[in-house]
Amino acid sequence: MLNLLLAPLTAPLDGIVWIAQQIQERAEAELDNAENLHKRLLALQLAVDMGEISEEEFEAQEEMLLLAIQELEEQQRQAAENDDGQY
């Protein structure tokens, strides 16, 4: 009953908390994606250094990973620009 009476006062705060949680989850997911791509690139470098894969295979996979990193950074830049433009 008390929650119902206080809802007009607490609802805006609850909404702000929810939005902050969504932003944090999105940022963590994007960071995880970038971190995972960099880890895969490092693992790929180690594999070629240890002779587990050929130089040609390394170059092909490296290019794919670098493009994925570049695309992710571009998406993050565009999202930041969109967020700046909303104010």
PDB file of N, CA and C in Angstrom:
ATOM      1  N   MET A   1       0.818  -1.190   0.000  1.00  0.00           N
ATOM      2  CA  MET A   1       0.000   0.000   0.000  1.00  0.00           C
ATOM      3  C   MET A   1       0.860   1.252   0.000  1.00  0.00           C
ATOM      4  N   LEU A   2       1.920   1.228   0.805  1.00  0.00           N
ATOM      5  CA  LEU A   2       2.806   2.382   0.880  1.00  0.00           C
ATOM      6  C   LEU A   2       3.483   2.628  -0.472  1.00  0.00           C
ATOM      7  N   ASN A   3       3.892   1.542  -1.142  1.00  0.00           N
ATOM      8  CA  ASN A   3       4.517   1.677  -2.459  1.00  0.00           C
ATOM      9  C   ASN A   3       3.581   2.350  -3.443  1.00  0.00           C
ATOM     10  N   LEU A   4       2.320   2.023  -3.369  1.00  0.00           N
ATOM     11  CA  LEU A   4       1.342   2.619  -4.267  1.00  0.00           C
ATOM     12  C   LEU A   4       1.185   4.107  -3.993  1.00  0.00           C
ATOM     13  N   LEU A   5       1.204   4.478  -2.735  1.00  0.00           N
ATOM     14  CA  LEU A   5       1.076   5.893  -2.382  1.00  0.00           C
ATOM     15  C   LEU A   5       2.318   6.694  -2.756  1.00  0.00           C
ATOM     16  N   LEU A   6       3.470   6.061  -2.668  1.00  0.00           N
ATOM     17  CA  LEU A   6       4.725   6.750  -2.975  1.00  0.00           C
ATOM     18  C   LEU A   6       5.105   6.669  -4.453  1.00  0.00           C
ATOM     19  N   ALA A   7       4.367   5.904  -5.229  1.00  0.00           N
ATOM     20  CA  ALA A   7       4.704   5.700  -6.640  1.00  0.00           C
ATOM     21  C   ALA A   7       4.880   7.010  -7.414  1.00  0.00           C
ATOM     22  N   PRO A   8       4.023   8.013  -7.229  1.00  0.00           N
ATOM     23  CA  PRO A   8       4.242   9.256  -7.978  1.00  0.00           C
ATOM     24  C   PRO A   8       5.583   9.923  -7.657  1.00  0.00           C
ATOM     25  N   LEU A   9       6.096   9.667  -6.478  1.00  0.00           N
ATOM     26  CA  LEU A   9       7.376  10.263  -6.101  1.00  0.00           C
ATOM     27  C   LEU A   9       8.567   9.394  -6.506  1.00  0.00           C
ATOM     28  N   THR A  10       8.407   8.079  -6.405  1.00  0.00           N
ATOM     29  CA  THR A  10       9.535   7.179  -6.660  1.00  0.00           C
ATOM     30  C   THR A  10       9.624   6.709  -8.113  1.00  0.00           C
ATOM     31  N   ALA A  11       8.547   6.799  -8.873  1.00  0.00           N
ATOM     32  CA  ALA A  11       8.555   6.304 -10.250  1.00  0.00           C
ATOM     33  C   ALA A  11       9.618   6.989 -11.115  1.00  0.00           C
ATOM     34  N   PRO A  12       9.747   8.318 -11.053  1.00  0.00           N
ATOM     35  CA  PRO A  12      10.798   8.940 -11.872  1.00  0.00           C
ATOM     36  C   PRO A  12      12.203   8.461 -11.499  1.00  0.00           C
ATOM     37  N   LEU A  13      12.441   8.299 -10.222  1.00  0.00           N
ATOM     38  CA  LEU A  13      13.742   7.810  -9.776  1.00  0.00           C
ATOM     39  C   LEU A  13      13.968   6.376 -10.237  1.00  0.00           C
ATOM     40  N   ASP A  14      12.940   5.546 -10.135  1.00  0.00           N
ATOM     41  CA  ASP A  14      13.041   4.165 -10.607  1.00  0.00           C
ATOM     42  C   ASP A  14      13.341   4.126 -12.100  1.00  0.00           C
ATOM     43  N   GLY A  15      12.731   5.027 -12.850  1.00  0.00           N
ATOM     44  CA  GLY A  15      12.967   5.095 -14.290  1.00  0.00           C
ATOM     45  C   GLY A  15      14.400   5.485 -14.600  1.00  0.00           C
ATOM     46  N   ILE A  16      14.937   6.427 -13.856  1.00  0.00           N
ATOM     47  CA  ILE A  16      16.320   6.863 -14.065  1.00  0.00           C
ATOM     48  C   ILE A  16      17.279   5.732 -13.729  1.00  0.00           C
ATOM     49  N   VAL A  17      17.006   5.017 -12.652  1.00  0.00           N
ATOM     50  CA  VAL A  17      17.853   3.877 -12.263  1.00  0.00           C
ATOM     51  C   VAL A  17      17.822   2.819 -13.357  1.00  0.00           C
ATOM     52  N   TRP A  18      16.632   2.538 -13.890  1.00  0.00           N
ATOM     53  CA  TRP A  18      16.506   1.528 -14.947  1.00  0.00           C
ATOM     54  C   TRP A  18      17.298   1.950 -16.182  1.00  0.00           C
ATOM     55  N   ILE A  19      17.193   3.215 -16.576  1.00  0.00           N
ATOM     56  CA  ILE A  19      17.923   3.714 -17.746  1.00  0.00           C
ATOM     57  C   ILE A  19      19.425   3.587 -17.506  1.00  0.00           C
ATOM     58  N   ALA A  20      19.885   3.942 -16.326  1.00  0.00           N
ATOM     59  CA  ALA A  20      21.312   3.839 -16.007  1.00  0.00           C
ATOM     60  C   ALA A  20      21.782   2.389 -16.087  1.00  0.00           C
ATOM     61  N   GLN A  21      20.964   1.461 -15.626  1.00  0.00           N
ATOM     62  CA  GLN A  21      21.331   0.042 -15.706  1.00  0.00           C
ATOM     63  C   GLN A  21      21.418  -0.411 -17.156  1.00  0.00           C
ATOM     64  N   GLN A  22      20.496   0.035 -17.994  1.00  0.00           N
ATOM     65  CA  GLN A  22      20.516  -0.331 -19.408  1.00  0.00           C
ATOM     66  C   GLN A  22      21.767   0.202 -20.090  1.00  0.00           C
ATOM     67  N   ILE A  23      22.132   1.432 -19.787  1.00  0.00           N
ATOM     68  CA  ILE A  23      23.339   2.040 -20.363  1.00  0.00           C
ATOM     69  C   ILE A  23      24.574   1.275 -19.911  1.00  0.00           C
ATOM     70  N   GLN A  24      24.621   0.932 -18.629  1.00  0.00           N
ATOM     71  CA  GLN A  24      25.764   0.185 -18.113  1.00  0.00           C
ATOM     72  C   GLN A  24      25.876  -1.185 -18.781  1.00  0.00           C
ATOM     73  N   GLU A  25      24.765  -1.890 -18.935  1.00  0.00           N
ATOM     74  CA  GLU A  25      24.787  -3.199 -19.586  1.00  0.00           C
ATOM     75  C   GLU A  25      25.262  -3.089 -21.028  1.00  0.00           C
ATOM     76  N   ARG A  26      24.793  -2.074 -21.729  1.00  0.00           N
ATOM     77  CA  ARG A  26      25.202  -1.881 -23.128  1.00  0.00           C
ATOM     78  C   ARG A  26      26.693  -1.587 -23.226  1.00  0.00           C
ATOM     79  N   ALA A  27      27.179  -0.722 -22.348  1.00  0.00           N
ATOM     80  CA  ALA A  27      28.605  -0.383 -22.354  1.00  0.00           C
ATOM     81  C   ALA A  27      29.458  -1.603 -22.036  1.00  0.00           C
ATOM     82  N   GLU A  28      29.033  -2.401 -21.058  1.00  0.00           N
ATOM     83  CA  GLU A  28      29.786  -3.604 -20.704  1.00  0.00           C
ATOM     84  C   GLU A  28      29.792  -4.606 -21.849  1.00  0.00           C
ATOM     85  N   ALA A  29      28.671  -4.740 -22.544  1.00  0.00           N
ATOM     86  CA  ALA A  29      28.599  -5.673 -23.670  1.00  0.00           C
ATOM     87  C   ALA A  29      29.526  -5.227 -24.789  1.00  0.00           C
ATOM     88  N   GLU A  30      29.543  -3.927 -25.075  1.00  0.00           N
ATOM     89  CA  GLU A  30      30.423  -3.427 -26.134  1.00  0.00           C
ATOM     90  C   GLU A  30      31.881  -3.578 -25.736  1.00  0.00           C
ATOM     91  N   LEU A  31      32.183  -3.331 -24.476  1.00  0.00           N
ATOM     92  CA  LEU A  31      33.553  -3.500 -23.998  1.00  0.00           C
ATOM     93  C   LEU A  31      33.964  -4.959 -24.090  1.00  0.00           C
ATOM     94  N   ASP A  32      33.055  -5.858 -23.714  1.00  0.00           N
ATOM     95  CA  ASP A  32      33.351  -7.284 -23.813  1.00  0.00           C
ATOM     96  C   ASP A  32      33.613  -7.681 -25.259  1.00  0.00           C
ATOM     97  N   ASN A  33      32.823  -7.159 -26.186  1.00  0.00           N
ATOM     98  CA  ASN A  33      33.026  -7.476 -27.595  1.00  0.00           C
ATOM     99  C   ASN A  33      34.404  -7.020 -28.052  1.00  0.00           C
ATOM    100  N   ALA A  34      34.769  -5.785 -27.740  1.00  0.00           N
ATOM    101  CA  ALA A  34      36.074  -5.262 -28.142  1.00  0.00           C
ATOM    102  C   ALA A  34      37.192  -6.061 -27.473  1.00  0.00           C
ATOM    103  N   GLU A  35      37.022  -6.348 -26.210  1.00  0.00           N
ATOM    104  CA  GLU A  35      38.041  -7.100 -25.485  1.00  0.00           C
ATOM    105  C   GLU A  35      38.209  -8.497 -26.078  1.00  0.00           C
ATOM    106  N   ASN A  36      37.100  -9.153 -26.407  1.00  0.00           N
ATOM    107  CA  ASN A  36      37.167 -10.489 -26.996  1.00  0.00           C
ATOM    108  C   ASN A  36      37.851 -10.462 -28.359  1.00  0.00           C
ATOM    109  N   LEU A  37      37.570  -9.458 -29.162  1.00  0.00           N
ATOM    110  CA  LEU A  37      38.220  -9.353 -30.470  1.00  0.00           C
ATOM    111  C   LEU A  37      39.723  -9.169 -30.312  1.00  0.00           C
ATOM    112  N   HIS A  38      40.130  -8.352 -29.356  1.00  0.00           N
ATOM    113  CA  HIS A  38      41.564  -8.140 -29.129  1.00  0.00           C
ATOM    114  C   HIS A  38      42.228  -9.417 -28.602  1.00  0.00           C
ATOM    115  N   LYS A  39      41.515 -10.153 -27.762  1.00  0.00           N
ATOM    116  CA  LYS A  39      42.056 -11.422 -27.262  1.00  0.00           C
ATOM    117  C   LYS A  39      42.215 -12.428 -28.400  1.00  0.00           C
ATOM    118  N   ARG A  40      41.235 -12.466 -29.291  1.00  0.00           N
ATOM    119  CA  ARG A  40      41.322 -13.386 -30.433  1.00  0.00           C
ATOM    120  C   ARG A  40      42.490 -13.004 -31.338  1.00  0.00           C
ATOM    121  N   LEU A  41      42.707 -11.706 -31.494  1.00  0.00           N
ATOM    122  CA  LEU A  41      43.833 -11.250 -32.304  1.00  0.00           C
ATOM    123  C   LEU A  41      45.160 -11.657 -31.666  1.00  0.00           C
ATOM    124  N   LEU A  42      45.256 -11.519 -30.372  1.00  0.00           N
ATOM    125  CA  LEU A  42      46.466 -11.933 -29.655  1.00  0.00           C
ATOM    126  C   LEU A  42      46.683 -13.439 -29.775  1.00  0.00           C
ATOM    127  N   ALA A  43      45.608 -14.211 -29.612  1.00  0.00           N
ATOM    128  CA  ALA A  43      45.716 -15.666 -29.732  1.00  0.00           C
ATOM    129  C   ALA A  43      46.137 -16.064 -31.141  1.00  0.00           C
ATOM    130  N   LEU A  44      45.648 -15.342 -32.116  1.00  0.00           N
ATOM    131  CA  LEU A  44      46.022 -15.608 -33.501  1.00  0.00           C
ATOM    132  C   LEU A  44      47.509 -15.331 -33.715  1.00  0.00           C
ATOM    133  N   GLN A  45      47.988 -14.231 -33.144  1.00  0.00           N
ATOM    134  CA  GLN A  45      49.415 -13.897 -33.250  1.00  0.00           C
ATOM    135  C   GLN A  45      50.264 -14.984 -32.597  1.00  0.00           C
ATOM    136  N   LEU A  46      49.828 -15.459 -31.449  1.00  0.00           N
ATOM    137  CA  LEU A  46      50.569 -16.530 -30.778  1.00  0.00           C
ATOM    138  C   LEU A  46      50.572 -17.811 -31.610  1.00  0.00           C
ATOM    139  N   ALA A  47      49.443 -18.103 -32.245  1.00  0.00           N
ATOM    140  CA  ALA A  47      49.356 -19.318 -33.061  1.00  0.00           C
ATOM    141  C   ALA A  47      50.324 -19.264 -34.233  1.00  0.00           C
ATOM    142  N   VAL A  48      50.436 -18.115 -34.881  1.00  0.00           N
ATOM    143  CA  VAL A  48      51.368 -18.016 -36.010  1.00  0.00           C
ATOM    144  C   VAL A  48      52.813 -18.032 -35.509  1.00  0.00           C
ATOM    145  N   ASP A  49      53.062 -17.417 -34.361  1.00  0.00           N
ATOM    146  CA  ASP A  49      54.414 -17.418 -33.798  1.00  0.00           C
ATOM    147  C   ASP A  49      54.875 -18.822 -33.415  1.00  0.00           C
ATOM    148  N   MET A  50      53.926 -19.657 -32.992  1.00  0.00           N
ATOM    149  CA  MET A  50      54.264 -21.017 -32.579  1.00  0.00           C
ATOM    150  C   MET A  50      54.209 -21.996 -33.747  1.00  0.00           C
ATOM    151  N   GLY A  51      53.874 -21.499 -34.930  1.00  0.00           N
ATOM    152  CA  GLY A  51      53.838 -22.350 -36.110  1.00  0.00           C
ATOM    153  C   GLY A  51      52.593 -23.204 -36.229  1.00  0.00           C
ATOM    154  N   GLU A  52      51.549 -22.877 -35.473  1.00  0.00           N
ATOM    155  CA  GLU A  52      50.321 -23.665 -35.515  1.00  0.00           C
ATOM    156  C   GLU A  52      49.478 -23.364 -36.752  1.00  0.00           C
ATOM    157  N   ILE A  53      49.620 -22.158 -37.286  1.00  0.00           N
ATOM    158  CA  ILE A  53      48.909 -21.795 -38.510  1.00  0.00           C
ATOM    159  C   ILE A  53      49.894 -21.145 -39.464  1.00  0.00           C
ATOM    160  N   SER A  54      49.539 -21.162 -40.735  1.00  0.00           N
ATOM    161  CA  SER A  54      50.429 -20.572 -41.736  1.00  0.00           C
ATOM    162  C   SER A  54      50.301 -19.053 -41.737  1.00  0.00           C
ATOM    163  N   GLU A  55      51.266 -18.416 -42.349  1.00  0.00           N
ATOM    164  CA  GLU A  55      51.257 -16.951 -42.464  1.00  0.00           C
ATOM    165  C   GLU A  55      50.044 -16.480 -43.263  1.00  0.00           C
ATOM    166  N   GLU A  56      49.688 -17.229 -44.308  1.00  0.00           N
ATOM    167  CA  GLU A  56      48.542 -16.863 -45.142  1.00  0.00           C
ATOM    168  C   GLU A  56      47.240 -16.943 -44.347  1.00  0.00           C
ATOM    169  N   GLU A  57      47.094 -18.012 -43.575  1.00  0.00           N
ATOM    170  CA  GLU A  57      45.896 -18.167 -42.746  1.00  0.00           C
ATOM    171  C   GLU A  57      45.841 -17.060 -41.693  1.00  0.00           C
ATOM    172  N   PHE A  58      46.995 -16.741 -41.124  1.00  0.00           N
ATOM    173  CA  PHE A  58      47.072 -15.657 -40.141  1.00  0.00           C
ATOM    174  C   PHE A  58      46.610 -14.349 -40.754  1.00  0.00           C
ATOM    175  N   GLU A  59      47.123 -14.029 -41.932  1.00  0.00           N
ATOM    176  CA  GLU A  59      46.782 -12.754 -42.569  1.00  0.00           C
ATOM    177  C   GLU A  59      45.292 -12.661 -42.880  1.00  0.00           C
ATOM    178  N   ALA A  60      44.702 -13.763 -43.320  1.00  0.00           N
ATOM    179  CA  ALA A  60      43.270 -13.754 -43.638  1.00  0.00           C
ATOM    180  C   ALA A  60      42.438 -13.546 -42.375  1.00  0.00           C
ATOM    181  N   GLN A  61      42.762 -14.280 -41.321  1.00  0.00           N
ATOM    182  CA  GLN A  61      42.007 -14.154 -40.074  1.00  0.00           C
ATOM    183  C   GLN A  61      42.263 -12.807 -39.399  1.00  0.00           C
ATOM    184  N   GLU A  62      43.505 -12.336 -39.491  1.00  0.00           N
ATOM    185  CA  GLU A  62      43.842 -11.039 -38.911  1.00  0.00           C
ATOM    186  C   GLU A  62      43.034  -9.935 -39.576  1.00  0.00           C
ATOM    187  N   GLU A  63      42.920 -10.000 -40.875  1.00  0.00           N
ATOM    188  CA  GLU A  63      42.156  -8.982 -41.597  1.00  0.00           C
ATOM    189  C   GLU A  63      40.695  -8.985 -41.147  1.00  0.00           C
ATOM    190  N   MET A  64      40.122 -10.174 -40.991  1.00  0.00           N
ATOM    191  CA  MET A  64      38.730 -10.258 -40.539  1.00  0.00           C
ATOM    192  C   MET A  64      38.566  -9.662 -39.136  1.00  0.00           C
ATOM    193  N   LEU A  65      39.499  -9.974 -38.240  1.00  0.00           N
ATOM    194  CA  LEU A  65      39.413  -9.449 -36.887  1.00  0.00           C
ATOM    195  C   LEU A  65      39.613  -7.936 -36.855  1.00  0.00           C
ATOM    196  N   LEU A  66      40.568  -7.445 -37.619  1.00  0.00           N
ATOM    197  CA  LEU A  66      40.806  -6.003 -37.657  1.00  0.00           C
ATOM    198  C   LEU A  66      39.600  -5.260 -38.226  1.00  0.00           C
ATOM    199  N   LEU A  67      38.964  -5.838 -39.220  1.00  0.00           N
ATOM    200  CA  LEU A  67      37.748  -5.226 -39.775  1.00  0.00           C
ATOM    201  C   LEU A  67      36.623  -5.225 -38.746  1.00  0.00           C
ATOM    202  N   ALA A  68      36.502  -6.306 -37.992  1.00  0.00           N
ATOM    203  CA  ALA A  68      35.476  -6.381 -36.951  1.00  0.00           C
ATOM    204  C   ALA A  68      35.740  -5.348 -35.858  1.00  0.00           C
ATOM    205  N   ILE A  69      36.996  -5.182 -35.472  1.00  0.00           N
ATOM    206  CA  ILE A  69      37.362  -4.170 -34.471  1.00  0.00           C
ATOM    207  C   ILE A  69      37.055  -2.778 -34.998  1.00  0.00           C
ATOM    208  N   GLN A  70      37.416  -2.538 -36.242  1.00  0.00           N
ATOM    209  CA  GLN A  70      37.163  -1.237 -36.855  1.00  0.00           C
ATOM    210  C   GLN A  70      35.657  -0.952 -36.924  1.00  0.00           C
ATOM    211  N   GLU A  71      34.867  -1.947 -37.285  1.00  0.00           N
ATOM    212  CA  GLU A  71      33.418  -1.777 -37.364  1.00  0.00           C
ATOM    213  C   GLU A  71      32.826  -1.489 -35.988  1.00  0.00           C
ATOM    214  N   LEU A  72      33.295  -2.196 -34.974  1.00  0.00           N
ATOM    215  CA  LEU A  72      32.818  -1.979 -33.616  1.00  0.00           C
ATOM    216  C   LEU A  72      33.156  -0.571 -33.140  1.00  0.00           C
ATOM    217  N   GLU A  73      34.370  -0.124 -33.420  1.00  0.00           N
ATOM    218  CA  GLU A  73      34.773   1.230 -33.034  1.00  0.00           C
ATOM    219  C   GLU A  73      33.929   2.273 -33.762  1.00  0.00           C
ATOM    220  N   GLU A  74      33.611   2.017 -35.017  1.00  0.00           N
ATOM    221  CA  GLU A  74      32.769   2.931 -35.787  1.00  0.00           C
ATOM    222  C   GLU A  74      31.359   2.975 -35.190  1.00  0.00           C
ATOM    223  N   GLN A  75      30.829   1.832 -34.810  1.00  0.00           N
ATOM    224  CA  GLN A  75      29.501   1.785 -34.190  1.00  0.00           C
ATOM    225  C   GLN A  75      29.499   2.547 -32.868  1.00  0.00           C
ATOM    226  N   GLN A  76      30.566   2.391 -32.093  1.00  0.00           N
ATOM    227  CA  GLN A  76      30.664   3.096 -30.818  1.00  0.00           C
ATOM    228  C   GLN A  76      30.767   4.599 -31.051  1.00  0.00           C
ATOM    229  N   ARG A  77      31.513   5.006 -32.060  1.00  0.00           N
ATOM    230  CA  ARG A  77      31.647   6.427 -32.377  1.00  0.00           C
ATOM    231  C   ARG A  77      30.302   7.008 -32.796  1.00  0.00           C
ATOM    232  N   GLN A  78      29.572   6.284 -33.648  1.00  0.00           N
ATOM    233  CA  GLN A  78      28.266   6.749 -34.097  1.00  0.00           C
ATOM    234  C   GLN A  78      27.273   6.810 -32.942  1.00  0.00           C
ATOM    235  N   ALA A  79      27.326   5.836 -32.052  1.00  0.00           N
ATOM    236  CA  ALA A  79      26.432   5.839 -30.892  1.00  0.00           C
ATOM    237  C   ALA A  79      26.736   7.032 -29.997  1.00  0.00           C
ATOM    238  N   ALA A  80      28.015   7.341 -29.833  1.00  0.00           N
ATOM    239  CA  ALA A  80      28.398   8.494 -29.019  1.00  0.00           C
ATOM    240  C   ALA A  80      27.918   9.787 -29.667  1.00  0.00           C
ATOM    241  N   GLU A  81      28.045   9.880 -30.983  1.00  0.00           N
ATOM    242  CA  GLU A  81      27.569  11.071 -31.686  1.00  0.00           C
ATOM    243  C   GLU A  81      26.066  11.208 -31.562  1.00  0.00           C
ATOM    244  N   ASN A  82      25.332  10.092 -31.676  1.00  0.00           N
ATOM    245  CA  ASN A  82      23.885  10.118 -31.537  1.00  0.00           C
ATOM    246  C   ASN A  82      23.477  10.518 -30.129  1.00  0.00           C
ATOM    247  N   ASP A  83      24.196  10.022 -29.131  1.00  0.00           N
ATOM    248  CA  ASP A  83      23.892  10.377 -27.747  1.00  0.00           C
ATOM    249  C   ASP A  83      24.149  11.866 -27.491  1.00  0.00           C
ATOM    250  N   ASP A  84      25.212  12.406 -28.101  1.00  0.00           N
ATOM    251  CA  ASP A  84      25.529  13.827 -27.948  1.00  0.00           C
ATOM    252  C   ASP A  84      24.473  14.690 -28.624  1.00  0.00           C
ATOM    253  N   GLY A  85      23.937  14.226 -29.728  1.00  0.00           N
ATOM    254  CA  GLY A  85      22.962  15.002 -30.482  1.00  0.00           C
ATOM    255  C   GLY A  85      21.580  15.012 -29.863  1.00  0.00           C
ATOM    256  N   GLN A  86      21.331  14.161 -28.876  1.00  0.00           N
ATOM    257  CA  GLN A  86      20.000  14.089 -28.280  1.00  0.00           C
ATOM    258  C   GLN A  86      19.771  15.155 -27.235  1.00  0.00           C
ATOM    259  N   TYR A  87      20.785  15.808 -26.780  1.00  0.00           N
ATOM    260  CA  TYR A  87      20.620  16.813 -25.724  1.00  0.00           C
ATOM    261  C   TYR A  87      20.313  18.156 -26.277  1.00  0.00           C
TER     262      TYR A  87
END
